[in-house]
Amino acid sequence: MEYVLIIGHDMDFSKFNFTNKYVIGVDEGAYIALQNGINLDVAIGDFDSVDAKRLAYIKSKTQVIELSPMKNDTDTGAALKLCKDATKIIILGGIQGKRIEHFIANLLLMELNPKIEMLDNNSHMYIMDSSFSIRKTDYKFISFFALTNTILTLEGFQYPLTNYNLKNTDPLTISNEIIADRGIVTIKDGRILVIQSKEDK
């Protein structure tokens, strides 16, 4: 089953297809989802980001798992424990925002579970450990960061590479661009974080 976790702002939900997906609203993300007309299968969190009136509204619309604010997990981490049979997990929101520590926590959760992707209006992030191709879209830039030392080949990109040893401290592969119909990414060994970003306006 494919799961969708709605955790934040910075997302045009009308562009996303929720059909045949299990949708979880996480903390304030549950309120944001309901305000955008999205039906939730469940809401989870300590709900410290919403007032009593908004929490009552969430409870009137969907099943709620209310967590203690004194816990050894983030709300998103707790939500991921509901996704035991997931074939894919998409987190909407949670990239931009004022609380950068939450974004870093989400990155750590991604590294623990490669089924997770994160999306917002400007970025798409995911982890790969095998070769893949990616078509040219409205994401202008694509960056690669080694999570472990990676032998990387890039074809169809503005800055191609052949069997480059990308180390986890090397920022060389930031802000590349696909110049062919598709970019071909060959991973001989290793694991990378892929970030696609739209052009700054």
Protein backbone atom coordinates (compact mmCIF):
# COMPACT_ATOMS: atom_id res chain seq x y z
CA MET A 1 0.00 0.00 0.00
CA GLU A 2 1.09 3.57 -0.68
CA TYR A 3 0.96 5.98 2.25
CA VAL A 4 0.85 9.77 2.23
CA LEU A 5 1.81 11.80 5.30
CA ILE A 6 0.70 15.43 5.28
CA ILE A 7 2.89 17.31 7.72
CA GLY A 8 3.14 20.91 6.60
CA HIS A 9 2.49 23.89 4.37
CA ASP A 10 4.24 24.77 1.08
CA MET A 11 2.25 22.28 -0.97
CA ASP A 12 -0.37 22.75 -3.67
CA PHE A 13 -2.46 19.70 -2.78
CA SER A 14 -4.64 20.08 -5.88
CA LYS A 15 -1.71 18.83 -7.98
CA PHE A 16 -1.41 15.58 -6.03
CA ASN A 17 -3.45 12.42 -6.60
CA PHE A 18 -4.67 10.87 -3.33
CA THR A 19 -6.64 8.04 -4.99
CA ASN A 20 -5.97 4.57 -3.55
CA LYS A 21 -3.57 5.94 -0.95
CA TYR A 22 -3.75 5.74 2.84
CA VAL A 23 -3.64 9.37 3.99
CA ILE A 24 -2.34 10.38 7.42
CA GLY A 25 -2.51 13.92 8.79
CA VAL A 26 0.37 14.61 11.14
CA ASP A 27 -0.24 17.20 13.88
CA GLU A 28 -1.10 20.56 12.23
CA GLY A 29 -0.85 18.79 8.88
CA ALA A 30 -4.16 17.11 9.70
CA TYR A 31 -5.88 20.50 9.97
CA ILE A 32 -4.19 21.75 6.80
CA ALA A 33 -5.33 18.63 4.92
CA LEU A 34 -8.94 18.94 6.05
CA GLN A 35 -8.99 22.64 5.18
CA ASN A 36 -7.90 21.67 1.66
CA GLY A 37 -10.74 19.16 1.31
CA ILE A 38 -8.55 16.08 1.74
CA ASN A 39 -10.13 13.07 3.43
CA LEU A 40 -7.90 11.53 6.09
CA ASP A 41 -7.76 7.89 7.13
CA VAL A 42 -6.27 8.94 10.47
CA ALA A 43 -4.66 11.93 12.21
CA ILE A 44 -1.76 11.53 14.64
CA GLY A 45 0.34 13.84 16.80
CA ASP A 46 0.56 15.61 20.12
CA PHE A 47 -1.24 18.52 18.38
CA ASP A 48 0.81 21.18 20.14
CA SER A 49 0.67 23.18 16.88
CA VAL A 50 -3.12 23.61 16.93
CA ASP A 51 -5.47 25.22 19.43
CA ALA A 52 -8.34 23.41 21.14
CA LYS A 53 -10.90 24.57 18.56
CA ARG A 54 -8.87 23.22 15.64
CA LEU A 55 -8.20 19.95 17.45
CA ALA A 56 -11.93 19.53 18.06
CA TYR A 57 -12.50 20.14 14.35
CA ILE A 58 -9.96 17.44 13.44
CA LYS A 59 -11.61 15.00 15.85
CA SER A 60 -15.00 15.69 14.27
CA LYS A 61 -13.68 14.75 10.82
CA THR A 62 -11.44 11.70 11.30
CA GLN A 63 -10.02 9.15 13.71
CA VAL A 64 -7.36 10.72 15.92
CA ILE A 65 -4.38 9.14 17.65
CA GLU A 66 -3.39 11.72 20.27
CA LEU A 67 0.18 11.39 21.53
CA SER A 68 1.74 12.73 24.70
CA PRO A 69 4.02 15.73 24.10
CA MET A 70 6.51 13.98 26.41
CA LYS A 71 7.68 11.24 24.04
CA ASN A 72 10.86 9.81 22.58
CA ASP A 73 9.78 10.33 18.98
CA THR A 74 8.71 13.04 16.58
CA ASP A 75 5.10 13.14 15.38
CA THR A 76 6.31 12.15 11.91
CA GLY A 77 8.34 9.29 13.35
CA ALA A 78 5.24 8.03 15.17
CA ALA A 79 3.18 8.33 11.97
CA LEU A 80 5.71 6.22 10.07
CA LYS A 81 5.10 3.37 12.51
CA LEU A 82 1.57 3.17 11.06
CA CYS A 83 3.05 2.40 7.61
CA LYS A 84 4.24 -1.14 8.28
CA ASP A 85 3.00 -2.61 4.96
CA ALA A 86 4.04 0.39 2.84
CA THR A 87 5.39 -0.07 -0.67
CA LYS A 88 5.98 3.69 -0.83
CA ILE A 89 5.68 6.59 1.64
CA ILE A 90 5.28 10.17 0.46
CA ILE A 91 5.70 13.03 2.91
CA LEU A 92 4.03 16.25 1.78
CA GLY A 93 5.50 19.38 3.34
CA GLY A 94 8.23 19.39 5.93
CA ILE A 95 11.06 20.64 3.72
CA GLN A 96 10.64 24.38 4.07
CA GLY A 97 9.71 26.09 7.31
CA LYS A 98 11.05 27.93 10.33
CA ARG A 99 11.97 24.81 12.32
CA ILE A 100 15.01 23.51 10.46
CA GLU A 101 15.61 20.85 13.10
CA HIS A 102 12.37 19.15 12.05
CA PHE A 103 13.59 19.05 8.45
CA ILE A 104 16.87 17.44 9.56
CA ALA A 105 14.91 14.91 11.62
CA ASN A 106 12.86 14.08 8.50
CA LEU A 107 16.08 13.56 6.52
CA LEU A 108 17.26 11.09 9.15
CA LEU A 109 13.94 9.24 8.90
CA MET A 110 14.40 9.09 5.12
CA GLU A 111 17.83 7.55 5.54
CA LEU A 112 16.38 4.89 7.84
CA ASN A 113 13.56 4.07 5.42
CA PRO A 114 14.37 4.36 1.68
CA LYS A 115 10.67 3.98 0.82
CA ILE A 116 10.17 7.60 1.91
CA GLU A 117 10.02 10.53 -0.51
CA MET A 118 9.50 14.17 0.50
CA LEU A 119 7.69 16.72 -1.66
CA ASP A 120 6.63 20.33 -1.50
CA ASN A 121 5.92 23.01 -4.10
CA ASN A 122 9.62 23.52 -4.84
CA SER A 123 11.46 20.29 -4.12
CA HIS A 124 11.34 16.49 -4.45
CA MET A 125 13.72 14.41 -2.34
CA TYR A 126 14.41 10.67 -2.29
CA ILE A 127 17.19 8.13 -1.72
CA MET A 128 18.59 5.75 -4.35
CA ASP A 129 21.06 2.86 -4.11
CA SER A 130 20.73 1.50 -7.66
CA SER A 131 20.90 2.93 -11.17
CA PHE A 132 17.91 4.87 -12.54
CA SER A 133 16.83 7.32 -15.21
CA ILE A 134 14.93 10.53 -14.69
CA ARG A 135 13.02 12.50 -17.29
CA LYS A 136 13.29 16.25 -17.74
CA THR A 137 10.44 18.03 -15.90
CA ASP A 138 9.74 21.44 -14.39
CA TYR A 139 12.36 20.68 -11.75
CA LYS A 140 15.28 22.67 -13.17
CA PHE A 141 18.03 21.52 -10.83
CA ILE A 142 19.02 18.09 -9.58
CA SER A 143 21.60 17.50 -6.85
CA PHE A 144 23.21 14.32 -5.57
CA PHE A 145 24.67 13.85 -2.10
CA ALA A 146 26.48 10.68 -1.11
CA LEU A 147 25.16 9.04 2.05
CA THR A 148 27.97 6.51 1.67
CA ASN A 149 30.92 6.77 -0.69
CA THR A 150 29.40 6.21 -4.14
CA ILE A 151 30.78 5.43 -7.60
CA LEU A 152 28.60 7.65 -9.76
CA THR A 153 28.16 8.10 -13.53
CA LEU A 154 25.90 10.83 -14.95
CA GLU A 155 24.80 10.89 -18.60
CA GLY A 156 22.49 13.43 -20.25
CA PHE A 157 23.40 16.11 -17.70
CA GLN A 158 25.00 19.52 -18.17
CA TYR A 159 27.87 18.30 -15.97
CA PRO A 160 28.45 14.62 -16.81
CA LEU A 161 30.56 12.25 -14.71
CA THR A 162 32.12 8.85 -15.33
CA ASN A 163 32.81 6.52 -12.42
CA TYR A 164 33.32 9.45 -10.05
CA ASN A 165 34.00 8.53 -6.43
CA LEU A 166 31.50 10.79 -4.67
CA LYS A 167 32.29 10.97 -0.98
CA ASN A 168 29.81 11.99 1.69
CA THR A 169 31.75 15.22 2.29
CA ASP A 170 31.87 16.20 -1.42
CA PRO A 171 29.40 18.89 -2.68
CA LEU A 172 30.54 18.63 -6.33
CA THR A 173 27.23 17.25 -7.63
CA ILE A 174 24.98 20.09 -6.47
CA SER A 175 22.73 21.99 -8.92
CA ASN A 176 23.20 19.89 -12.05
CA GLU A 177 20.68 20.04 -14.92
CA ILE A 178 19.26 17.46 -17.32
CA ILE A 179 19.95 18.50 -20.93
CA ALA A 180 18.65 15.37 -22.71
CA ASP A 181 15.13 13.92 -22.63
CA ARG A 182 16.30 11.81 -19.70
CA GLY A 183 19.22 11.83 -17.35
CA ILE A 184 20.87 8.46 -16.71
CA VAL A 185 22.28 7.92 -13.21
CA THR A 186 24.48 4.84 -12.77
CA ILE A 187 25.37 3.81 -9.24
CA LYS A 188 28.00 1.07 -9.11
CA ASP A 189 28.30 1.17 -5.35
CA GLY A 190 26.86 3.35 -2.62
CA ARG A 191 23.76 5.30 -1.69
CA ILE A 192 22.74 8.85 -2.61
CA LEU A 193 20.23 11.49 -1.60
CA VAL A 194 18.61 13.01 -4.70
CA ILE A 195 17.12 16.51 -4.53
CA GLN A 196 15.20 17.99 -7.46
CA SER A 197 14.43 21.70 -7.17
CA LYS A 198 12.54 24.24 -9.20
CA GLU A 199 14.17 27.43 -10.39
CA ASP A 200 14.34 30.35 -7.95
CA LYS A 201 11.85 33.08 -8.86
